[in-house]
Amino acid sequence: MKSPSKFIGVFFFGIILVGLVLLTSCGQKPQYKTALGKKKLKYYNSVQYGKTSPKEFKSFNQKRR
């Protein structure tokens, strides 16, 4: 016969493992994968390589009307 303590240990280990997988998969997206992050990245790259000037900066956080 298998001991119940071994079954309980494996059961709790499985619950902890499933919980960790769910917590890590439901996290926030990195900013460079969002629409706003892509716009900022495109702007900063264009400024860095001299295609636009920093004075042309428009706030990315304003809502569109």
PDB file of N, CA and C in Angstrom:
ATOM      1  N   MET A   1       0.825  -1.191   0.000  1.00  0.00           N
ATOM      2  CA  MET A   1       0.000   0.000   0.000  1.00  0.00           C
ATOM      3  C   MET A   1       0.869   1.256   0.000  1.00  0.00           C
ATOM      4  N   LYS A   2       0.373   2.254  -0.685  1.00  0.00           N
ATOM      5  CA  LYS A   2       1.074   3.524  -0.691  1.00  0.00           C
ATOM      6  C   LYS A   2       0.677   4.299   0.552  1.00  0.00           C
ATOM      7  N   SER A   3       1.635   5.040   1.064  1.00  0.00           N
ATOM      8  CA  SER A   3       1.329   5.827   2.260  1.00  0.00           C
ATOM      9  C   SER A   3       0.574   7.093   1.872  1.00  0.00           C
ATOM     10  N   PRO A   4      -0.395   7.491   2.694  1.00  0.00           N
ATOM     11  CA  PRO A   4      -1.170   8.697   2.367  1.00  0.00           C
ATOM     12  C   PRO A   4      -0.324   9.977   2.432  1.00  0.00           C
ATOM     13  N   SER A   5       0.750   9.961   3.207  1.00  0.00           N
ATOM     14  CA  SER A   5       1.575  11.162   3.294  1.00  0.00           C
ATOM     15  C   SER A   5       2.302  11.431   1.973  1.00  0.00           C
ATOM     16  N   LYS A   6       2.665  10.361   1.259  1.00  0.00           N
ATOM     17  CA  LYS A   6       3.309  10.530  -0.036  1.00  0.00           C
ATOM     18  C   LYS A   6       2.315  11.115  -1.039  1.00  0.00           C
ATOM     19  N   PHE A   7       1.080  10.622  -1.016  1.00  0.00           N
ATOM     20  CA  PHE A   7       0.046  11.140  -1.903  1.00  0.00           C
ATOM     21  C   PHE A   7      -0.235  12.606  -1.614  1.00  0.00           C
ATOM     22  N   ILE A   8      -0.300  12.973  -0.358  1.00  0.00           N
ATOM     23  CA  ILE A   8      -0.574  14.360   0.026  1.00  0.00           C
ATOM     24  C   ILE A   8       0.568  15.266  -0.432  1.00  0.00           C
ATOM     25  N   GLY A   9       1.800  14.819  -0.291  1.00  0.00           N
ATOM     26  CA  GLY A   9       2.951  15.604  -0.725  1.00  0.00           C
ATOM     27  C   GLY A   9       2.945  15.847  -2.223  1.00  0.00           C
ATOM     28  N   VAL A  10       2.676  14.807  -2.996  1.00  0.00           N
ATOM     29  CA  VAL A  10       2.621  14.936  -4.458  1.00  0.00           C
ATOM     30  C   VAL A  10       1.456  15.836  -4.862  1.00  0.00           C
ATOM     31  N   PHE A  11       0.328  15.704  -4.171  1.00  0.00           N
ATOM     32  CA  PHE A  11      -0.846  16.521  -4.466  1.00  0.00           C
ATOM     33  C   PHE A  11      -0.548  18.006  -4.245  1.00  0.00           C
ATOM     34  N   PHE A  12       0.046  18.352  -3.106  1.00  0.00           N
ATOM     35  CA  PHE A  12       0.360  19.750  -2.827  1.00  0.00           C
ATOM     36  C   PHE A  12       1.453  20.286  -3.754  1.00  0.00           C
ATOM     37  N   PHE A  13       2.407  19.462  -4.098  1.00  0.00           N
ATOM     38  CA  PHE A  13       3.427  19.876  -5.054  1.00  0.00           C
ATOM     39  C   PHE A  13       2.797  20.197  -6.411  1.00  0.00           C
ATOM     40  N   GLY A  14       1.839  19.381  -6.835  1.00  0.00           N
ATOM     41  CA  GLY A  14       1.130  19.622  -8.087  1.00  0.00           C
ATOM     42  C   GLY A  14       0.328  20.914  -8.045  1.00  0.00           C
ATOM     43  N   ILE A  15      -0.341  21.175  -6.922  1.00  0.00           N
ATOM     44  CA  ILE A  15      -1.116  22.410  -6.779  1.00  0.00           C
ATOM     45  C   ILE A  15      -0.189  23.622  -6.836  1.00  0.00           C
ATOM     46  N   ILE A  16       0.942  23.554  -6.166  1.00  0.00           N
ATOM     47  CA  ILE A  16       1.903  24.664  -6.189  1.00  0.00           C
ATOM     48  C   ILE A  16       2.443  24.877  -7.601  1.00  0.00           C
ATOM     49  N   LEU A  17       2.746  23.802  -8.295  1.00  0.00           N
ATOM     50  CA  LEU A  17       3.261  23.904  -9.655  1.00  0.00           C
ATOM     51  C   LEU A  17       2.234  24.531 -10.607  1.00  0.00           C
ATOM     52  N   VAL A  18       0.998  24.091 -10.525  1.00  0.00           N
ATOM     53  CA  VAL A  18      -0.065  24.656 -11.369  1.00  0.00           C
ATOM     54  C   VAL A  18      -0.291  26.120 -11.019  1.00  0.00           C
ATOM     55  N   GLY A  19      -0.257  26.464  -9.735  1.00  0.00           N
ATOM     56  CA  GLY A  19      -0.425  27.855  -9.304  1.00  0.00           C
ATOM     57  C   GLY A  19       0.668  28.755  -9.849  1.00  0.00           C
ATOM     58  N   LEU A  20       1.909  28.295  -9.828  1.00  0.00           N
ATOM     59  CA  LEU A  20       3.009  29.096 -10.361  1.00  0.00           C
ATOM     60  C   LEU A  20       2.874  29.313 -11.866  1.00  0.00           C
ATOM     61  N   VAL A  21       2.458  28.295 -12.579  1.00  0.00           N
ATOM     62  CA  VAL A  21       2.268  28.427 -14.030  1.00  0.00           C
ATOM     63  C   VAL A  21       1.176  29.441 -14.324  1.00  0.00           C
ATOM     64  N   LEU A  22       0.068  29.381 -13.592  1.00  0.00           N
ATOM     65  CA  LEU A  22      -1.022  30.327 -13.817  1.00  0.00           C
ATOM     66  C   LEU A  22      -0.617  31.747 -13.462  1.00  0.00           C
ATOM     67  N   LEU A  23       0.124  31.936 -12.389  1.00  0.00           N
ATOM     68  CA  LEU A  23       0.538  33.282 -11.992  1.00  0.00           C
ATOM     69  C   LEU A  23       1.508  33.899 -12.994  1.00  0.00           C
ATOM     70  N   THR A  24       2.402  33.106 -13.544  1.00  0.00           N
ATOM     71  CA  THR A  24       3.369  33.662 -14.486  1.00  0.00           C
ATOM     72  C   THR A  24       2.759  33.894 -15.860  1.00  0.00           C
ATOM     73  N   SER A  25       1.738  33.144 -16.226  1.00  0.00           N
ATOM     74  CA  SER A  25       1.140  33.321 -17.555  1.00  0.00           C
ATOM     75  C   SER A  25       0.154  34.476 -17.600  1.00  0.00           C
ATOM     76  N   CYS A  26      -0.315  34.931 -16.471  1.00  0.00           N
ATOM     77  CA  CYS A  26      -1.317  36.004 -16.445  1.00  0.00           C
ATOM     78  C   CYS A  26      -0.704  37.352 -16.106  1.00  0.00           C
ATOM     79  N   GLY A  27       0.581  37.523 -16.271  1.00  0.00           N
ATOM     80  CA  GLY A  27       1.247  38.769 -15.930  1.00  0.00           C
ATOM     81  C   GLY A  27       1.032  39.836 -16.983  1.00  0.00           C
ATOM     82  N   GLN A  28       1.554  41.013 -16.719  1.00  0.00           N
ATOM     83  CA  GLN A  28       1.424  42.121 -17.650  1.00  0.00           C
ATOM     84  C   GLN A  28       2.335  41.916 -18.853  1.00  0.00           C
ATOM     85  N   LYS A  29       1.926  42.516 -19.965  1.00  0.00           N
ATOM     86  CA  LYS A  29       2.763  42.488 -21.156  1.00  0.00           C
ATOM     87  C   LYS A  29       3.914  43.467 -20.982  1.00  0.00           C
ATOM     88  N   PRO A  30       5.067  43.179 -21.549  1.00  0.00           N
ATOM     89  CA  PRO A  30       6.121  44.186 -21.570  1.00  0.00           C
ATOM     90  C   PRO A  30       5.691  45.361 -22.442  1.00  0.00           C
ATOM     91  N   GLN A  31       6.204  46.538 -22.138  1.00  0.00           N
ATOM     92  CA  GLN A  31       5.731  47.741 -22.817  1.00  0.00           C
ATOM     93  C   GLN A  31       6.008  47.708 -24.312  1.00  0.00           C
ATOM     94  N   TYR A  32       7.099  47.085 -24.730  1.00  0.00           N
ATOM     95  CA  TYR A  32       7.417  47.101 -26.156  1.00  0.00           C
ATOM     96  C   TYR A  32       6.468  46.235 -26.979  1.00  0.00           C
ATOM     97  N   LYS A  33       5.599  45.459 -26.334  1.00  0.00           N
ATOM     98  CA  LYS A  33       4.619  44.660 -27.061  1.00  0.00           C
ATOM     99  C   LYS A  33       3.251  45.318 -27.114  1.00  0.00           C
ATOM    100  N   THR A  34       3.072  46.462 -26.469  1.00  0.00           N
ATOM    101  CA  THR A  34       1.795  47.162 -26.499  1.00  0.00           C
ATOM    102  C   THR A  34       1.804  48.197 -27.618  1.00  0.00           C
ATOM    103  N   ALA A  35       0.622  48.686 -27.990  1.00  0.00           N
ATOM    104  CA  ALA A  35       0.530  49.672 -29.069  1.00  0.00           C
ATOM    105  C   ALA A  35       1.250  50.961 -28.687  1.00  0.00           C
ATOM    106  N   LEU A  36       1.073  51.409 -27.454  1.00  0.00           N
ATOM    107  CA  LEU A  36       1.730  52.636 -27.001  1.00  0.00           C
ATOM    108  C   LEU A  36       3.246  52.460 -26.977  1.00  0.00           C
ATOM    109  N   GLY A  37       3.710  51.313 -26.519  1.00  0.00           N
ATOM    110  CA  GLY A  37       5.143  51.049 -26.474  1.00  0.00           C
ATOM    111  C   GLY A  37       5.766  51.007 -27.859  1.00  0.00           C
ATOM    112  N   LYS A  38       5.023  50.476 -28.822  1.00  0.00           N
ATOM    113  CA  LYS A  38       5.538  50.432 -30.191  1.00  0.00           C
ATOM    114  C   LYS A  38       5.666  51.833 -30.771  1.00  0.00           C
ATOM    115  N   LYS A  39       4.698  52.719 -30.459  1.00  0.00           N
ATOM    116  CA  LYS A  39       4.772  54.100 -30.941  1.00  0.00           C
ATOM    117  C   LYS A  39       5.966  54.820 -30.325  1.00  0.00           C
ATOM    118  N   LYS A  40       6.158  54.626 -29.023  1.00  0.00           N
ATOM    119  CA  LYS A  40       7.287  55.273 -28.351  1.00  0.00           C
ATOM    120  C   LYS A  40       8.612  54.761 -28.904  1.00  0.00           C
ATOM    121  N   LEU A  41       8.710  53.471 -29.107  1.00  0.00           N
ATOM    122  CA  LEU A  41       9.942  52.885 -29.634  1.00  0.00           C
ATOM    123  C   LEU A  41      10.252  53.418 -31.021  1.00  0.00           C
ATOM    124  N   LYS A  42       9.218  53.544 -31.854  1.00  0.00           N
ATOM    125  CA  LYS A  42       9.414  54.082 -33.194  1.00  0.00           C
ATOM    126  C   LYS A  42       9.888  55.531 -33.131  1.00  0.00           C
ATOM    127  N   TYR A  43       9.293  56.319 -32.225  1.00  0.00           N
ATOM    128  CA  TYR A  43       9.688  57.720 -32.076  1.00  0.00           C
ATOM    129  C   TYR A  43      11.123  57.835 -31.574  1.00  0.00           C
ATOM    130  N   TYR A  44      11.454  57.105 -30.510  1.00  0.00           N
ATOM    131  CA  TYR A  44      12.795  57.217 -29.936  1.00  0.00           C
ATOM    132  C   TYR A  44      13.868  56.733 -30.908  1.00  0.00           C
ATOM    133  N   ASN A  45      13.560  55.708 -31.693  1.00  0.00           N
ATOM    134  CA  ASN A  45      14.520  55.257 -32.700  1.00  0.00           C
ATOM    135  C   ASN A  45      14.717  56.312 -33.777  1.00  0.00           C
ATOM    136  N   SER A  46      13.628  56.993 -34.182  1.00  0.00           N
ATOM    137  CA  SER A  46      13.771  58.017 -35.213  1.00  0.00           C
ATOM    138  C   SER A  46      14.552  59.209 -34.686  1.00  0.00           C
ATOM    139  N   VAL A  47      14.380  59.549 -33.411  1.00  0.00           N
ATOM    140  CA  VAL A  47      15.142  60.652 -32.820  1.00  0.00           C
ATOM    141  C   VAL A  47      16.617  60.266 -32.704  1.00  0.00           C
ATOM    142  N   GLN A  48      16.859  59.027 -32.288  1.00  0.00           N
ATOM    143  CA  GLN A  48      18.236  58.570 -32.080  1.00  0.00           C
ATOM    144  C   GLN A  48      19.025  58.587 -33.381  1.00  0.00           C
ATOM    145  N   TYR A  49      18.392  58.231 -34.483  1.00  0.00           N
ATOM    146  CA  TYR A  49      19.109  58.149 -35.750  1.00  0.00           C
ATOM    147  C   TYR A  49      18.914  59.390 -36.619  1.00  0.00           C
ATOM    148  N   GLY A  50      18.388  60.480 -36.042  1.00  0.00           N
ATOM    149  CA  GLY A  50      18.370  61.770 -36.702  1.00  0.00           C
ATOM    150  C   GLY A  50      17.282  61.998 -37.732  1.00  0.00           C
ATOM    151  N   LYS A  51      16.217  61.236 -37.703  1.00  0.00           N
ATOM    152  CA  LYS A  51      15.159  61.434 -38.682  1.00  0.00           C
ATOM    153  C   LYS A  51      14.177  62.519 -38.245  1.00  0.00           C
ATOM    154  N   THR A  52      13.977  62.707 -36.953  1.00  0.00           N
ATOM    155  CA  THR A  52      13.102  63.765 -36.443  1.00  0.00           C
ATOM    156  C   THR A  52      13.814  64.472 -35.299  1.00  0.00           C
ATOM    157  N   SER A  53      13.303  65.645 -34.952  1.00  0.00           N
ATOM    158  CA  SER A  53      13.897  66.370 -33.833  1.00  0.00           C
ATOM    159  C   SER A  53      13.056  66.139 -32.588  1.00  0.00           C
ATOM    160  N   PRO A  54      13.663  66.242 -31.415  1.00  0.00           N
ATOM    161  CA  PRO A  54      12.903  66.026 -30.177  1.00  0.00           C
ATOM    162  C   PRO A  54      11.797  67.051 -29.964  1.00  0.00           C
ATOM    163  N   LYS A  55      11.853  68.196 -30.635  1.00  0.00           N
ATOM    164  CA  LYS A  55      10.817  69.219 -30.476  1.00  0.00           C
ATOM    165  C   LYS A  55       9.490  68.784 -31.078  1.00  0.00           C
ATOM    166  N   GLU A  56       9.525  67.809 -31.957  1.00  0.00           N
ATOM    167  CA  GLU A  56       8.295  67.312 -32.576  1.00  0.00           C
ATOM    168  C   GLU A  56       7.583  66.303 -31.688  1.00  0.00           C
ATOM    169  N   PHE A  57       8.012  66.162 -30.458  1.00  0.00           N
ATOM    170  CA  PHE A  57       7.453  65.180 -29.535  1.00  0.00           C
ATOM    171  C   PHE A  57       6.011  65.520 -29.186  1.00  0.00           C
ATOM    172  N   LYS A  58       5.133  64.569 -29.367  1.00  0.00           N
ATOM    173  CA  LYS A  58       3.750  64.702 -28.948  1.00  0.00           C
ATOM    174  C   LYS A  58       3.534  63.722 -27.812  1.00  0.00           C
ATOM    175  N   SER A  59       2.755  64.134 -26.853  1.00  0.00           N
ATOM    176  CA  SER A  59       2.520  63.250 -25.714  1.00  0.00           C
ATOM    177  C   SER A  59       1.795  61.985 -26.161  1.00  0.00           C
ATOM    178  N   PHE A  60       2.318  60.865 -25.780  1.00  0.00           N
ATOM    179  CA  PHE A  60       1.716  59.588 -26.155  1.00  0.00           C
ATOM    180  C   PHE A  60       0.575  59.206 -25.210  1.00  0.00           C
ATOM    181  N   ASN A  61       0.495  59.880 -24.082  1.00  0.00           N
ATOM    182  CA  ASN A  61      -0.493  59.492 -23.091  1.00  0.00           C
ATOM    183  C   ASN A  61      -1.825  60.238 -23.215  1.00  0.00           C
ATOM    184  N   GLN A  62      -1.941  61.138 -24.167  1.00  0.00           N
ATOM    185  CA  GLN A  62      -3.204  61.838 -24.344  1.00  0.00           C
ATOM    186  C   GLN A  62      -4.200  60.949 -25.077  1.00  0.00           C
ATOM    187  N   LYS A  63      -5.447  61.026 -24.670  1.00  0.00           N
ATOM    188  CA  LYS A  63      -6.474  60.228 -25.328  1.00  0.00           C
ATOM    189  C   LYS A  63      -6.864  60.882 -26.637  1.00  0.00           C
ATOM    190  N   ARG A  64      -7.164  60.052 -27.612  1.00  0.00           N
ATOM    191  CA  ARG A  64      -7.615  60.575 -28.896  1.00  0.00           C
ATOM    192  C   ARG A  64      -9.084  60.930 -28.792  1.00  0.00           C
ATOM    193  N   ARG A  65      -9.480  61.945 -29.533  1.00  0.00           N
ATOM    194  CA  ARG A  65     -10.882  62.377 -29.515  1.00  0.00           C
ATOM    195  C   ARG A  65     -11.649  61.780 -30.655  1.00  0.00           C
TER     196      ARG A  65
END
